[in-house]
PDB file of N, CA and C in Angstrom:
ATOM      1  N   MET A   1      49.021  38.746   2.438  1.00  0.00           N
ATOM      2  CA  MET A   1      48.347  39.341   2.051  1.00  0.00           C
ATOM      3  C   MET A   1      48.510  39.336   0.010  1.00  0.00           C
ATOM      4  N   SER A   2      47.474  39.732  -0.338  1.00  0.00           N
ATOM      5  CA  SER A   2      47.679  38.822  -1.970  1.00  0.00           C
ATOM      6  C   SER A   2      47.815  40.515  -2.658  1.00  0.00           C
ATOM      7  N   ARG A   3      47.838  40.434  -3.659  1.00  0.00           N
ATOM      8  CA  ARG A   3      48.892  41.353  -4.554  1.00  0.00           C
ATOM      9  C   ARG A   3      47.803  42.540  -4.629  1.00  0.00           C
ATOM     10  N   SER A   4      46.281  41.824  -4.982  1.00  0.00           N
ATOM     11  CA  SER A   4      45.153  42.953  -4.891  1.00  0.00           C
ATOM     12  C   SER A   4      44.707  43.493  -3.403  1.00  0.00           C
ATOM     13  N   GLN A   5      45.356  42.909  -2.807  1.00  0.00           N
ATOM     14  CA  GLN A   5      44.906  43.492  -0.984  1.00  0.00           C
ATOM     15  C   GLN A   5      46.315  44.691  -1.142  1.00  0.00           C
ATOM     16  N   GLU A   6      47.212  44.250  -1.349  1.00  0.00           N
ATOM     17  CA  GLU A   6      48.148  45.038  -1.242  1.00  0.00           C
ATOM     18  C   GLU A   6      48.098  46.303  -2.344  1.00  0.00           C
ATOM     19  N   LEU A   7      47.557  46.313  -3.140  1.00  0.00           N
ATOM     20  CA  LEU A   7      46.925  47.573  -4.122  1.00  0.00           C
ATOM     21  C   LEU A   7      46.249  48.501  -3.747  1.00  0.00           C
ATOM     22  N   GLU A   8      45.201  47.510  -2.937  1.00  0.00           N
ATOM     23  CA  GLU A   8      43.761  48.298  -2.781  1.00  0.00           C
ATOM     24  C   GLU A   8      44.536  49.401  -1.458  1.00  0.00           C
ATOM     25  N   ASP A   9      45.503  47.995  -0.829  1.00  0.00           N
ATOM     26  CA  ASP A   9      45.805  48.657   0.608  1.00  0.00           C
ATOM     27  C   ASP A   9      46.738  50.195   0.473  1.00  0.00           C
ATOM     28  N   THR A  10      47.320  49.919  -0.699  1.00  0.00           N
ATOM     29  CA  THR A  10      48.202  51.038  -0.926  1.00  0.00           C
ATOM     30  C   THR A  10      47.758  52.209  -1.486  1.00  0.00           C
ATOM     31  N   PHE A  11      46.788  52.253  -2.486  1.00  0.00           N
ATOM     32  CA  PHE A  11      46.103  53.606  -3.274  1.00  0.00           C
ATOM     33  C   PHE A  11      45.123  54.160  -2.061  1.00  0.00           C
ATOM     34  N   LEU A  12      44.374  53.274  -1.236  1.00  0.00           N
ATOM     35  CA  LEU A  12      43.905  53.748   0.072  1.00  0.00           C
ATOM     36  C   LEU A  12      44.906  54.680   1.052  1.00  0.00           C
ATOM     37  N   ALA A  13      45.684  54.053   1.030  1.00  0.00           N
ATOM     38  CA  ALA A  13      46.635  55.051   1.690  1.00  0.00           C
ATOM     39  C   ALA A  13      46.851  56.424   1.112  1.00  0.00           C
ATOM     40  N   LEU A  14      47.126  56.397  -0.164  1.00  0.00           N
ATOM     41  CA  LEU A  14      46.889  58.055  -0.603  1.00  0.00           C
ATOM     42  C   LEU A  14      45.876  58.450  -1.021  1.00  0.00           C
ATOM     43  N   HIS A  15      44.919  57.924  -0.420  1.00  0.00           N
ATOM     44  CA  HIS A  15      43.183  58.206  -0.295  1.00  0.00           C
ATOM     45  C   HIS A  15      42.245  58.536  -2.112  1.00  0.00           C
ATOM     46  N   GLN A  16      43.109  56.832  -2.323  1.00  0.00           N
ATOM     47  CA  GLN A  16      42.469  56.966  -4.164  1.00  0.00           C
ATOM     48  C   GLN A  16      42.308  55.675  -3.894  1.00  0.00           C
ATOM     49  N   GLU A  17      40.884  55.438  -3.900  1.00  0.00           N
ATOM     50  CA  GLU A  17      40.254  53.927  -3.735  1.00  0.00           C
ATOM     51  C   GLU A  17      40.337  53.301  -5.600  1.00  0.00           C
ATOM     52  N   LEU A  18      40.360  52.640  -5.524  1.00  0.00           N
ATOM     53  CA  LEU A  18      40.708  51.773  -6.630  1.00  0.00           C
ATOM     54  C   LEU A  18      38.956  50.773  -6.666  1.00  0.00           C
ATOM     55  N   SER A  19      38.774  50.416  -7.778  1.00  0.00           N
ATOM     56  CA  SER A  19      37.688  49.864  -8.064  1.00  0.00           C
ATOM     57  C   SER A  19      37.849  48.589  -8.306  1.00  0.00           C
ATOM     58  N   LYS A  20      37.029  47.427  -8.046  1.00  0.00           N
ATOM     59  CA  LYS A  20      37.567  46.041  -8.291  1.00  0.00           C
ATOM     60  C   LYS A  20      38.309  46.224  -9.587  1.00  0.00           C
ATOM     61  N   ASP A  21      37.561  46.666 -11.340  1.00  0.00           N
ATOM     62  CA  ASP A  21      38.044  46.617 -12.357  1.00  0.00           C
ATOM     63  C   ASP A  21      39.475  47.225 -12.552  1.00  0.00           C
ATOM     64  N   LEU A  22      39.540  48.432 -11.998  1.00  0.00           N
ATOM     65  CA  LEU A  22      40.782  49.235 -12.027  1.00  0.00           C
ATOM     66  C   LEU A  22      41.758  48.300 -11.229  1.00  0.00           C
ATOM     67  N   VAL A  23      41.446  47.591 -10.251  1.00  0.00           N
ATOM     68  CA  VAL A  23      42.370  46.729  -9.504  1.00  0.00           C
ATOM     69  C   VAL A  23      43.239  45.830 -10.423  1.00  0.00           C
ATOM     70  N   ASP A  24      42.596  45.088 -11.444  1.00  0.00           N
ATOM     71  CA  ASP A  24      42.606  44.262 -12.657  1.00  0.00           C
ATOM     72  C   ASP A  24      43.775  45.346 -13.568  1.00  0.00           C
ATOM     73  N   VAL A  25      43.767  46.822 -13.852  1.00  0.00           N
ATOM     74  CA  VAL A  25      43.908  47.180 -14.442  1.00  0.00           C
ATOM     75  C   VAL A  25      45.051  47.652 -13.852  1.00  0.00           C
ATOM     76  N   ALA A  26      45.557  47.481 -12.864  1.00  0.00           N
ATOM     77  CA  ALA A  26      47.019  47.859 -11.926  1.00  0.00           C
ATOM     78  C   ALA A  26      47.469  47.008 -12.069  1.00  0.00           C
ATOM     79  N   LEU A  27      47.264  45.742 -11.250  1.00  0.00           N
ATOM     80  CA  LEU A  27      47.939  44.181 -11.512  1.00  0.00           C
ATOM     81  C   LEU A  27      48.338  44.118 -13.239  1.00  0.00           C
ATOM     82  N   GLN A  28      47.923  44.489 -13.746  1.00  0.00           N
ATOM     83  CA  GLN A  28      48.572  44.388 -15.172  1.00  0.00           C
ATOM     84  C   GLN A  28      49.515  45.493 -15.395  1.00  0.00           C
ATOM     85  N   LEU A  29      49.544  46.199 -14.775  1.00  0.00           N
ATOM     86  CA  LEU A  29      50.488  47.641 -14.816  1.00  0.00           C
ATOM     87  C   LEU A  29      52.229  47.139 -14.015  1.00  0.00           C
ATOM     88  N   CYS A  30      50.994  46.445 -12.765  1.00  0.00           N
ATOM     89  CA  CYS A  30      52.810  45.938 -12.306  1.00  0.00           C
ATOM     90  C   CYS A  30      53.879  45.031 -13.026  1.00  0.00           C
ATOM     91  N   ALA A  31      52.810  44.240 -13.453  1.00  0.00           N
ATOM     92  CA  ALA A  31      53.032  43.099 -14.245  1.00  0.00           C
ATOM     93  C   ALA A  31      54.242  43.711 -15.621  1.00  0.00           C
ATOM     94  N   ARG A  32      53.482  44.388 -16.240  1.00  0.00           N
ATOM     95  CA  ARG A  32      53.969  45.088 -17.283  1.00  0.00           C
ATOM     96  C   ARG A  32      55.249  46.325 -16.945  1.00  0.00           C
ATOM     97  N   PHE A  33      55.870  46.712 -15.807  1.00  0.00           N
ATOM     98  CA  PHE A  33      56.559  47.414 -15.701  1.00  0.00           C
ATOM     99  C   PHE A  33      57.332  46.899 -14.689  1.00  0.00           C
ATOM    100  N   ALA A  34      57.197  45.400 -13.940  1.00  0.00           N
ATOM    101  CA  ALA A  34      57.987  44.724 -13.177  1.00  0.00           C
ATOM    102  C   ALA A  34      57.651  45.622 -11.933  1.00  0.00           C
ATOM    103  N   LEU A  35      56.401  46.188 -11.505  1.00  0.00           N
ATOM    104  CA  LEU A  35      56.401  46.938 -10.216  1.00  0.00           C
ATOM    105  C   LEU A  35      56.076  46.247  -8.996  1.00  0.00           C
ATOM    106  N   SER A  36      55.968  46.100  -7.491  1.00  0.00           N
ATOM    107  CA  SER A  36      55.571  45.891  -6.953  1.00  0.00           C
ATOM    108  C   SER A  36      54.304  46.660  -6.236  1.00  0.00           C
ATOM    109  N   PRO A  37      53.129  46.498  -5.721  1.00  0.00           N
ATOM    110  CA  PRO A  37      51.905  47.403  -5.490  1.00  0.00           C
ATOM    111  C   PRO A  37      52.452  48.302  -4.678  1.00  0.00           C
ATOM    112  N   THR A  38      53.490  48.293  -4.275  1.00  0.00           N
ATOM    113  CA  THR A  38      53.893  49.526  -3.515  1.00  0.00           C
ATOM    114  C   THR A  38      54.894  50.386  -4.377  1.00  0.00           C
ATOM    115  N   GLU A  39      55.181  49.821  -4.803  1.00  0.00           N
ATOM    116  CA  GLU A  39      56.399  50.852  -6.012  1.00  0.00           C
ATOM    117  C   GLU A  39      54.981  51.545  -7.305  1.00  0.00           C
ATOM    118  N   LEU A  40      54.313  50.723  -7.364  1.00  0.00           N
ATOM    119  CA  LEU A  40      53.421  51.267  -8.394  1.00  0.00           C
ATOM    120  C   LEU A  40      52.618  52.568  -7.699  1.00  0.00           C
ATOM    121  N   GLY A  41      52.009  52.374  -6.300  1.00  0.00           N
ATOM    122  CA  GLY A  41      51.415  53.586  -5.591  1.00  0.00           C
ATOM    123  C   GLY A  41      52.499  54.513  -5.941  1.00  0.00           C
ATOM    124  N   THR A  42      53.869  54.292  -5.499  1.00  0.00           N
ATOM    125  CA  THR A  42      55.039  55.152  -5.410  1.00  0.00           C
ATOM    126  C   THR A  42      54.735  56.280  -6.833  1.00  0.00           C
ATOM    127  N   LYS A  43      54.884  55.388  -7.874  1.00  0.00           N
ATOM    128  CA  LYS A  43      54.891  56.147  -8.937  1.00  0.00           C
ATOM    129  C   LYS A  43      53.404  56.752  -9.229  1.00  0.00           C
ATOM    130  N   TRP A  44      52.403  56.541  -8.979  1.00  0.00           N
ATOM    131  CA  TRP A  44      50.983  56.757  -8.979  1.00  0.00           C
ATOM    132  C   TRP A  44      51.139  57.717  -8.531  1.00  0.00           C
ATOM    133  N   GLU A  45      51.368  58.066  -6.950  1.00  0.00           N
ATOM    134  CA  GLU A  45      51.709  59.358  -6.443  1.00  0.00           C
ATOM    135  C   GLU A  45      52.405  60.400  -6.716  1.00  0.00           C
ATOM    136  N   ALA A  46      53.689  60.174  -7.492  1.00  0.00           N
ATOM    137  CA  ALA A  46      54.284  61.015  -8.516  1.00  0.00           C
ATOM    138  C   ALA A  46      53.404  61.725  -9.406  1.00  0.00           C
ATOM    139  N   HIS A  47      52.843  60.707 -10.294  1.00  0.00           N
ATOM    140  CA  HIS A  47      52.118  61.113 -11.489  1.00  0.00           C
ATOM    141  C   HIS A  47      51.204  62.194 -11.115  1.00  0.00           C
ATOM    142  N   ILE A  48      50.305  62.106 -10.066  1.00  0.00           N
ATOM    143  CA  ILE A  48      48.991  63.131  -9.525  1.00  0.00           C
ATOM    144  C   ILE A  48      49.478  64.213  -8.640  1.00  0.00           C
ATOM    145  N   LEU A  49      50.515  64.038  -8.661  1.00  0.00           N
ATOM    146  CA  LEU A  49      51.323  65.605  -8.087  1.00  0.00           C
ATOM    147  C   LEU A  49      51.841  65.922  -9.516  1.00  0.00           C
ATOM    148  N   ASN A  50      52.332  65.698 -10.286  1.00  0.00           N
ATOM    149  CA  ASN A  50      52.577  66.207 -11.804  1.00  0.00           C
ATOM    150  C   ASN A  50      51.708  66.883 -12.144  1.00  0.00           C
ATOM    151  N   HIS A  51      50.290  66.129 -11.962  1.00  0.00           N
ATOM    152  CA  HIS A  51      49.072  66.511 -12.355  1.00  0.00           C
ATOM    153  C   HIS A  51      47.997  66.985 -11.582  1.00  0.00           C
ATOM    154  N   SER A  52      47.949  68.280 -11.425  1.00  0.00           N
ATOM    155  CA  SER A  52      46.973  68.834 -10.059  1.00  0.00           C
ATOM    156  C   SER A  52      45.349  68.079 -10.320  1.00  0.00           C
ATOM    157  N   GLU A  53      45.232  68.539 -11.802  1.00  0.00           N
ATOM    158  CA  GLU A  53      43.966  67.905 -11.942  1.00  0.00           C
ATOM    159  C   GLU A  53      43.192  66.071 -11.512  1.00  0.00           C
ATOM    160  N   LEU A  54      44.263  65.755 -11.364  1.00  0.00           N
ATOM    161  CA  LEU A  54      44.345  64.563 -10.855  1.00  0.00           C
ATOM    162  C   LEU A  54      44.260  64.084  -9.271  1.00  0.00           C
ATOM    163  N   LYS A  55      44.291  65.218  -8.579  1.00  0.00           N
ATOM    164  CA  LYS A  55      44.953  64.728  -7.121  1.00  0.00           C
ATOM    165  C   LYS A  55      43.667  64.503  -6.145  1.00  0.00           C
ATOM    166  N   ASN A  56      42.203  65.144  -6.508  1.00  0.00           N
ATOM    167  CA  ASN A  56      41.184  65.039  -5.757  1.00  0.00           C
ATOM    168  C   ASN A  56      40.605  63.964  -6.835  1.00  0.00           C
ATOM    169  N   GLU A  57      40.259  63.483  -7.826  1.00  0.00           N
ATOM    170  CA  GLU A  57      39.623  62.559  -8.277  1.00  0.00           C
ATOM    171  C   GLU A  57      40.214  60.817  -7.979  1.00  0.00           C
ATOM    172  N   ARG A  58      38.988  60.160  -8.376  1.00  0.00           N
ATOM    173  CA  ARG A  58      39.344  58.457  -8.121  1.00  0.00           C
ATOM    174  C   ARG A  58      39.847  58.650  -9.808  1.00  0.00           C
ATOM    175  N   PRO A  59      40.488  57.342  -9.255  1.00  0.00           N
ATOM    176  CA  PRO A  59      41.537  56.539 -10.831  1.00  0.00           C
ATOM    177  C   PRO A  59      40.329  56.512 -11.574  1.00  0.00           C
ATOM    178  N   THR A  60      40.319  56.500 -12.708  1.00  0.00           N
ATOM    179  CA  THR A  60      39.935  56.229 -13.649  1.00  0.00           C
ATOM    180  C   THR A  60      40.088  55.523 -15.032  1.00  0.00           C
ATOM    181  N   ARG A  61      39.893  54.456 -15.873  1.00  0.00           N
ATOM    182  CA  ARG A  61      40.778  53.774 -16.388  1.00  0.00           C
ATOM    183  C   ARG A  61      41.355  54.748 -17.353  1.00  0.00           C
ATOM    184  N   GLU A  62      41.093  55.980 -17.824  1.00  0.00           N
ATOM    185  CA  GLU A  62      41.437  57.148 -18.476  1.00  0.00           C
ATOM    186  C   GLU A  62      42.742  57.490 -18.135  1.00  0.00           C
ATOM    187  N   SER A  63      42.681  57.620 -16.523  1.00  0.00           N
ATOM    188  CA  SER A  63      44.207  58.520 -16.406  1.00  0.00           C
ATOM    189  C   SER A  63      44.835  57.322 -16.069  1.00  0.00           C
ATOM    190  N   LEU A  64      44.311  55.894 -15.688  1.00  0.00           N
ATOM    191  CA  LEU A  64      45.670  54.774 -15.087  1.00  0.00           C
ATOM    192  C   LEU A  64      46.345  54.578 -16.955  1.00  0.00           C
ATOM    193  N   ASN A  65      45.422  54.722 -17.908  1.00  0.00           N
ATOM    194  CA  ASN A  65      45.905  54.528 -18.923  1.00  0.00           C
ATOM    195  C   ASN A  65      46.985  55.835 -19.894  1.00  0.00           C
ATOM    196  N   ALA A  66      46.935  57.004 -18.757  1.00  0.00           N
ATOM    197  CA  ALA A  66      47.903  57.920 -19.080  1.00  0.00           C
ATOM    198  C   ALA A  66      48.942  57.806 -18.273  1.00  0.00           C
ATOM    199  N   PHE A  67      48.974  57.191 -16.911  1.00  0.00           N
ATOM    200  CA  PHE A  67      49.653  56.862 -16.284  1.00  0.00           C
ATOM    201  C   PHE A  67      50.783  55.674 -16.796  1.00  0.00           C
ATOM    202  N   ALA A  68      50.410  54.790 -17.407  1.00  0.00           N
ATOM    203  CA  ALA A  68      50.833  53.574 -18.252  1.00  0.00           C
ATOM    204  C   ALA A  68      51.861  54.102 -19.017  1.00  0.00           C
ATOM    205  N   ALA A  69      51.201  55.221 -20.099  1.00  0.00           N
ATOM    206  CA  ALA A  69      51.589  56.058 -21.104  1.00  0.00           C
ATOM    207  C   ALA A  69      53.004  57.065 -20.867  1.00  0.00           C
ATOM    208  N   ASP A  70      52.967  57.227 -19.481  1.00  0.00           N
ATOM    209  CA  ASP A  70      53.849  57.677 -18.750  1.00  0.00           C
ATOM    210  C   ASP A  70      55.125  57.078 -18.570  1.00  0.00           C
ATOM    211  N   LEU A  71      54.188  55.898 -17.621  1.00  0.00           N
ATOM    212  CA  LEU A  71      55.708  55.060 -17.514  1.00  0.00           C
ATOM    213  C   LEU A  71      56.185  54.251 -18.505  1.00  0.00           C
ATOM    214  N   ALA A  72      55.669  54.357 -19.562  1.00  0.00           N
ATOM    215  CA  ALA A  72      56.249  53.529 -20.800  1.00  0.00           C
ATOM    216  C   ALA A  72      57.442  54.586 -21.519  1.00  0.00           C
ATOM    217  N   ASP A  73      56.858  56.120 -21.196  1.00  0.00           N
ATOM    218  CA  ASP A  73      57.857  56.917 -21.940  1.00  0.00           C
ATOM    219  C   ASP A  73      59.534  57.207 -21.209  1.00  0.00           C
ATOM    220  N   ARG A  74      59.216  56.762 -19.536  1.00  0.00           N
ATOM    221  CA  ARG A  74      59.768  57.267 -18.339  1.00  0.00           C
ATOM    222  C   ARG A  74      60.852  55.812 -18.707  1.00  0.00           C
ATOM    223  N   SER A  75      60.109  54.618 -18.911  1.00  0.00           N
ATOM    224  CA  SER A  75      60.903  53.351 -19.134  1.00  0.00           C
ATOM    225  C   SER A  75      62.185  53.317 -20.305  1.00  0.00           C
ATOM    226  N   ALA A  76      61.495  54.331 -20.810  1.00  0.00           N
ATOM    227  CA  ALA A  76      62.479  54.061 -22.410  1.00  0.00           C
ATOM    228  C   ALA A  76      63.407  55.148 -22.474  1.00  0.00           C
ATOM    229  N   PHE A  77      63.825  55.715 -21.428  1.00  0.00           N
ATOM    230  CA  PHE A  77      64.848  57.005 -21.459  1.00  0.00           C
ATOM    231  C   PHE A  77      65.594  56.049 -20.330  1.00  0.00           C
ATOM    232  N   LYS A  78      65.843  54.811 -20.383  1.00  0.00           N
ATOM    233  CA  LYS A  78      66.816  54.163 -19.144  1.00  0.00           C
ATOM    234  C   LYS A  78      68.369  54.219 -19.622  1.00  0.00           C
ATOM    235  N   VAL A  79      69.135  55.131 -18.507  1.00  0.00           N
ATOM    236  CA  VAL A  79      70.697  55.437 -18.881  1.00  0.00           C
ATOM    237  C   VAL A  79      71.589  53.904 -18.128  1.00  0.00           C
ATOM    238  N   GLU A  80      72.252  53.862 -19.132  1.00  0.00           N
ATOM    239  CA  GLU A  80      73.101  52.860 -19.018  1.00  0.00           C
ATOM    240  C   GLU A  80      74.321  53.078 -18.507  1.00  0.00           C
ATOM    241  N   ALA A  81      75.166  52.789 -17.648  1.00  0.00           N
ATOM    242  CA  ALA A  81      76.587  53.332 -17.048  1.00  0.00           C
ATOM    243  C   ALA A  81      77.563  52.390 -18.416  1.00  0.00           C
ATOM    244  N   HIS A  82      78.108  53.843 -18.946  1.00  0.00           N
ATOM    245  CA  HIS A  82      79.125  53.529 -19.607  1.00  0.00           C
ATOM    246  C   HIS A  82      80.347  52.574 -19.451  1.00  0.00           C
ATOM    247  N   LYS A  83      81.225  51.907 -19.837  1.00  0.00           N
ATOM    248  CA  LYS A  83      82.260  51.020 -19.172  1.00  0.00           C
ATOM    249  C   LYS A  83      83.502  52.047 -20.111  1.00  0.00           C
ATOM    250  N   PRO A  84      84.411  51.999 -19.217  1.00  0.00           N
ATOM    251  CA  PRO A  84      85.812  52.891 -20.011  1.00  0.00           C
ATOM    252  C   PRO A  84      86.121  51.875 -21.415  1.00  0.00           C
ATOM    253  N   VAL A  85      86.276  52.749 -22.539  1.00  0.00           N
ATOM    254  CA  VAL A  85      86.167  51.934 -23.228  1.00  0.00           C
ATOM    255  C   VAL A  85      88.135  51.467 -23.809  1.00  0.00           C
ATOM    256  N   LYS A  86      89.094  52.388 -22.669  1.00  0.00           N
ATOM    257  CA  LYS A  86      90.323  51.943 -22.771  1.00  0.00           C
ATOM    258  C   LYS A  86      90.681  52.416 -21.499  1.00  0.00           C
ATOM    259  N   THR A  87      91.449  51.478 -20.861  1.00  0.00           N
ATOM    260  CA  THR A  87      91.911  51.537 -19.635  1.00  0.00           C
ATOM    261  C   THR A  87      93.842  52.007 -19.637  1.00  0.00           C
ATOM    262  N   TYR A  88      93.939  52.633 -18.925  1.00  0.00           N
ATOM    263  CA  TYR A  88      95.690  53.443 -18.555  1.00  0.00           C
ATOM    264  C   TYR A  88      96.569  52.429 -17.700  1.00  0.00           C
ATOM    265  N   SER A  89      97.438  51.963 -18.145  1.00  0.00           N
ATOM    266  CA  SER A  89      98.273  51.841 -16.892  1.00  0.00           C
ATOM    267  C   SER A  89      99.390  52.903 -17.247  1.00  0.00           C
ATOM    268  N   LYS A  90     100.471  52.562 -16.064  1.00  0.00           N
ATOM    269  CA  LYS A  90     101.649  53.156 -16.404  1.00  0.00           C
ATOM    270  C   LYS A  90     102.577  52.840 -17.662  1.00  0.00           C
ATOM    271  N   ASP A  91     102.267  51.805 -17.718  1.00  0.00           N
ATOM    272  CA  ASP A  91     103.486  51.015 -19.212  1.00  0.00           C
ATOM    273  C   ASP A  91     102.741  51.519 -20.442  1.00  0.00           C
ATOM    274  N   SER A  92     101.361  52.189 -20.615  1.00  0.00           N
ATOM    275  CA  SER A  92     100.646  52.312 -21.920  1.00  0.00           C
ATOM    276  C   SER A  92     100.591  54.056 -22.226  1.00  0.00           C
ATOM    277  N   VAL A  93     101.026  54.724 -20.980  1.00  0.00           N
ATOM    278  CA  VAL A  93     101.223  55.941 -21.235  1.00  0.00           C
ATOM    279  C   VAL A  93     102.354  56.716 -21.257  1.00  0.00           C
ATOM    280  N   SER A  94     102.788  56.954 -22.858  1.00  0.00           N
ATOM    281  CA  SER A  94     104.041  57.647 -23.091  1.00  0.00           C
ATOM    282  C   SER A  94     103.925  58.735 -22.544  1.00  0.00           C
ATOM    283  N   THR A  95     105.233  59.614 -21.934  1.00  0.00           N
ATOM    284  CA  THR A  95     105.418  61.103 -21.361  1.00  0.00           C
ATOM    285  C   THR A  95     106.347  61.526 -22.130  1.00  0.00           C
TER     286      THR A  95
END
């Protein structure tokens, strides 16, 4: 199955039909954020649940651009695990 078809199927499962030009926009979002079509669909579903005005609307270029901005904001705040600066052993701790 092609990525385009997977995207269309994913969005149809969410009752969100993508027009052909929006499939291209969505594919660009997949590439930009390193997401599979299914992952993009999952994130889109979360996005529309947080924006109730989008629930019953077909995706538009504007709504996908707002979604992309939201993804960019969220990806800017990735938390990385910190390694301990110093490890302690029985010999390095004085009593």
